[in-house]
C-alpha atoms as a PDB file:
ATOM      1  CA  MET A   1      -6.672 -19.920   3.620  1.00  0.00           C
ATOM      2  CA  THR A   2      -3.051 -19.315   4.584  1.00  0.00           C
ATOM      3  CA  ALA A   3       0.115 -20.619   2.951  1.00  0.00           C
ATOM      4  CA  PRO A   4       2.206 -23.214   4.794  1.00  0.00           C
ATOM      5  CA  SER A   5       4.755 -21.561   7.090  1.00  0.00           C
ATOM      6  CA  LYS A   6       7.688 -23.312   5.438  1.00  0.00           C
ATOM      7  CA  ASP A   7       6.996 -21.356   2.231  1.00  0.00           C
ATOM      8  CA  LEU A   8       6.837 -17.910   3.845  1.00  0.00           C
ATOM      9  CA  GLY A   9      10.505 -17.128   3.262  1.00  0.00           C
ATOM     10  CA  GLN A  10       9.852 -17.312  -0.496  1.00  0.00           C
ATOM     11  CA  ALA A  11       6.437 -15.599  -0.426  1.00  0.00           C
ATOM     12  CA  ARG A  12       5.781 -11.939  -1.205  1.00  0.00           C
ATOM     13  CA  CYS A  13       3.466  -9.617   0.672  1.00  0.00           C
ATOM     14  CA  VAL A  14       0.157  -8.800  -0.956  1.00  0.00           C
ATOM     15  CA  PRO A  15      -1.087  -5.226  -0.395  1.00  0.00           C
ATOM     16  CA  CYS A  16      -3.831  -5.126   2.204  1.00  0.00           C
ATOM     17  CA  GLU A  17      -6.279  -2.238   2.078  1.00  0.00           C
ATOM     18  CA  GLY A  18      -8.726  -3.786   4.488  1.00  0.00           C
ATOM     19  CA  GLY A  19     -11.970  -5.562   3.771  1.00  0.00           C
ATOM     20  CA  VAL A  20     -10.559  -8.948   4.780  1.00  0.00           C
ATOM     21  CA  PRO A  21     -10.621 -10.471   8.240  1.00  0.00           C
ATOM     22  CA  PRO A  22      -7.433 -10.738  10.298  1.00  0.00           C
ATOM     23  CA  LEU A  23      -6.021 -14.180  11.001  1.00  0.00           C
ATOM     24  CA  SER A  24      -7.903 -16.012  13.718  1.00  0.00           C
ATOM     25  CA  ALA A  25      -6.106 -16.740  16.975  1.00  0.00           C
ATOM     26  CA  GLY A  26      -5.690 -20.361  15.886  1.00  0.00           C
ATOM     27  CA  GLU A  27      -4.276 -19.396  12.483  1.00  0.00           C
ATOM     28  CA  ALA A  28      -1.843 -16.966  14.113  1.00  0.00           C
ATOM     29  CA  ARG A  29      -0.697 -19.583  16.643  1.00  0.00           C
ATOM     30  CA  GLU A  30      -0.175 -22.094  13.819  1.00  0.00           C
ATOM     31  CA  GLN A  31       1.980 -19.636  11.846  1.00  0.00           C
ATOM     32  CA  LEU A  32       3.887 -18.725  15.011  1.00  0.00           C
ATOM     33  CA  LYS A  33       5.167 -22.304  15.358  1.00  0.00           C
ATOM     34  CA  SER A  34       7.734 -21.736  12.605  1.00  0.00           C
ATOM     35  CA  LEU A  35       9.179 -18.560  14.170  1.00  0.00           C
ATOM     36  CA  GLU A  36      11.684 -19.103  16.954  1.00  0.00           C
ATOM     37  CA  GLY A  37      11.406 -16.586  19.779  1.00  0.00           C
ATOM     38  CA  TRP A  38       8.549 -14.533  18.316  1.00  0.00           C
ATOM     39  CA  THR A  39       5.544 -13.709  20.483  1.00  0.00           C
ATOM     40  CA  LEU A  40       1.913 -12.773  19.918  1.00  0.00           C
ATOM     41  CA  SER A  41       0.532  -9.889  21.940  1.00  0.00           C
ATOM     42  CA  GLN A  42      -2.121 -10.793  24.490  1.00  0.00           C
ATOM     43  CA  ASP A  43      -4.869  -9.515  22.175  1.00  0.00           C
ATOM     44  CA  GLY A  44      -3.392 -11.455  19.228  1.00  0.00           C
ATOM     45  CA  LYS A  45      -3.028  -8.355  17.050  1.00  0.00           C
ATOM     46  CA  VAL A  46       0.755  -7.920  17.128  1.00  0.00           C
ATOM     47  CA  LEU A  47       3.676 -10.229  16.373  1.00  0.00           C
ATOM     48  CA  TYR A  48       6.981  -9.177  17.936  1.00  0.00           C
ATOM     49  CA  LYS A  49      10.507 -10.171  18.869  1.00  0.00           C
ATOM     50  CA  ALA A  50      13.407  -8.444  20.618  1.00  0.00           C
ATOM     51  CA  TYR A  51      16.898  -9.091  19.245  1.00  0.00           C
ATOM     52  CA  ALA A  52      20.102  -8.567  21.245  1.00  0.00           C
ATOM     53  CA  PHE A  53      23.452  -7.373  19.856  1.00  0.00           C
ATOM     54  CA  PRO A  54      26.879  -6.759  21.377  1.00  0.00           C
ATOM     55  CA  ASP A  55      26.712  -3.004  20.680  1.00  0.00           C
ATOM     56  CA  PHE A  56      24.703  -0.159  19.214  1.00  0.00           C
ATOM     57  CA  ALA A  57      26.278  -0.469  15.753  1.00  0.00           C
ATOM     58  CA  GLY A  58      25.180  -4.103  15.435  1.00  0.00           C
ATOM     59  CA  ALA A  59      21.616  -3.231  16.405  1.00  0.00           C
ATOM     60  CA  LEU A  60      21.612  -0.352  13.921  1.00  0.00           C
ATOM     61  CA  ARG A  61      22.892  -2.577  11.087  1.00  0.00           C
ATOM     62  CA  PHE A  62      20.107  -5.029  11.863  1.00  0.00           C
ATOM     63  CA  LEU A  63      17.502  -2.245  11.903  1.00  0.00           C
ATOM     64  CA  ASN A  64      18.720  -1.072   8.492  1.00  0.00           C
ATOM     65  CA  ALA A  65      18.494  -4.610   7.095  1.00  0.00           C
ATOM     66  CA  VAL A  66      14.951  -4.970   8.464  1.00  0.00           C
ATOM     67  CA  SER A  67      14.073  -1.619   6.873  1.00  0.00           C
ATOM     68  CA  PHE A  68      15.299  -2.901   3.501  1.00  0.00           C
ATOM     69  CA  ILE A  69      13.052  -5.978   3.796  1.00  0.00           C
ATOM     70  CA  ALA A  70      10.092  -3.799   4.796  1.00  0.00           C
ATOM     71  CA  GLU A  71      10.526  -1.503   1.797  1.00  0.00           C
ATOM     72  CA  ASN A  72      10.855  -4.458  -0.586  1.00  0.00           C
ATOM     73  CA  GLU A  73       7.692  -6.033   0.790  1.00  0.00           C
ATOM     74  CA  GLY A  74       5.707  -2.826   1.214  1.00  0.00           C
ATOM     75  CA  HIS A  75       4.873  -3.945   4.758  1.00  0.00           C
ATOM     76  CA  HIS A  76       6.444  -1.938   7.551  1.00  0.00           C
ATOM     77  CA  PRO A  77       7.040  -2.939  11.172  1.00  0.00           C
ATOM     78  CA  ASP A  78       7.372  -0.785  14.221  1.00  0.00           C
ATOM     79  CA  LEU A  79      11.054  -0.782  15.150  1.00  0.00           C
ATOM     80  CA  GLU A  80      12.486   0.116  18.540  1.00  0.00           C
ATOM     81  CA  LEU A  81      16.243   0.668  18.668  1.00  0.00           C
ATOM     82  CA  GLY A  82      18.466   0.966  21.720  1.00  0.00           C
ATOM     83  CA  TRP A  83      22.019   0.164  22.726  1.00  0.00           C
ATOM     84  CA  GLY A  84      22.500  -3.511  21.861  1.00  0.00           C
ATOM     85  CA  ARG A  85      18.858  -4.187  21.095  1.00  0.00           C
ATOM     86  CA  CYS A  86      16.200  -3.885  18.415  1.00  0.00           C
ATOM     87  CA  GLN A  87      12.568  -4.901  18.795  1.00  0.00           C
ATOM     88  CA  VAL A  88      10.554  -5.655  15.672  1.00  0.00           C
ATOM     89  CA  SER A  89       6.743  -5.579  15.826  1.00  0.00           C
ATOM     90  CA  PHE A  90       4.399  -6.445  12.966  1.00  0.00           C
ATOM     91  CA  THR A  91       0.669  -5.874  12.608  1.00  0.00           C
ATOM     92  CA  THR A  92      -1.591  -5.077   9.680  1.00  0.00           C
ATOM     93  CA  HIS A  93      -3.185  -1.753  10.575  1.00  0.00           C
ATOM     94  CA  ALA A  94      -5.737  -1.874   7.720  1.00  0.00           C
ATOM     95  CA  ILE A  95      -7.429  -4.893   9.334  1.00  0.00           C
ATOM     96  CA  ASP A  96      -6.559  -4.172  12.984  1.00  0.00           C
ATOM     97  CA  GLY A  97      -4.843  -7.505  13.418  1.00  0.00           C
ATOM     98  CA  LEU A  98      -2.457  -9.968  11.881  1.00  0.00           C
ATOM     99  CA  SER A  99      -2.301 -11.022   8.251  1.00  0.00           C
ATOM    100  CA  LEU A 100      -0.117 -13.488   6.440  1.00  0.00           C
ATOM    101  CA  ASN A 101       2.046 -10.474   5.458  1.00  0.00           C
ATOM    102  CA  ASP A 102       3.153 -10.121   9.075  1.00  0.00           C
ATOM    103  CA  PHE A 103       4.401 -13.704   9.150  1.00  0.00           C
ATOM    104  CA  ILE A 104       6.045 -13.406   5.726  1.00  0.00           C
ATOM    105  CA  CYS A 105       8.042 -10.407   6.902  1.00  0.00           C
ATOM    106  CA  ALA A 106       8.861 -11.949  10.280  1.00  0.00           C
ATOM    107  CA  THR A 107      10.200 -15.030   8.488  1.00  0.00           C
ATOM    108  CA  LYS A 108      12.413 -12.833   6.305  1.00  0.00           C
ATOM    109  CA  VAL A 109      13.641 -10.856   9.327  1.00  0.00           C
ATOM    110  CA  GLU A 110      14.446 -14.092  11.131  1.00  0.00           C
ATOM    111  CA  ALA A 111      16.519 -15.215   8.128  1.00  0.00           C
ATOM    112  CA  LEU A 112      18.846 -12.274   8.814  1.00  0.00           C
ATOM    113  CA  VAL A 113      20.028 -13.955  12.012  1.00  0.00           C
ATOM    114  CA  ARG A 114      19.257 -17.592  11.212  1.00  0.00           C
ATOM    115  CA  PRO A 115      20.147 -18.179   7.559  1.00  0.00           C
ATOM    116  CA  ALA A 116      18.794 -21.396   6.055  1.00  0.00           C
ATOM    117  CA  ALA A 117      21.204 -24.320   6.033  1.00  0.00           C
ATOM    118  CA  ALA A 118      22.749 -25.030   2.649  1.00  0.00           C
END
């Protein structure tokens, strides 16, 4: 069973060493509803989003902030950096698919650019 999406920004990643099934396509689509602009890969194993910035320095600052989140959560995305852009891709390699950890981290990454209203 997965936690409600609205709580993911407060959730913590749980280490995944395998032995559990990945989220089903339906579960992944349900979690995706709370993430603006994120996409599931065609095979449903990767969650990703490309962010745009006015320059390289802005993209690099974002990448560093994402790296800080990843280290805190112990769940690391693939990051692609270029001039004015950074793509963030999450998957859980130990289960060859998506876990709740991927959506927890994506929610925290999204909060970097869309802070919650006070």
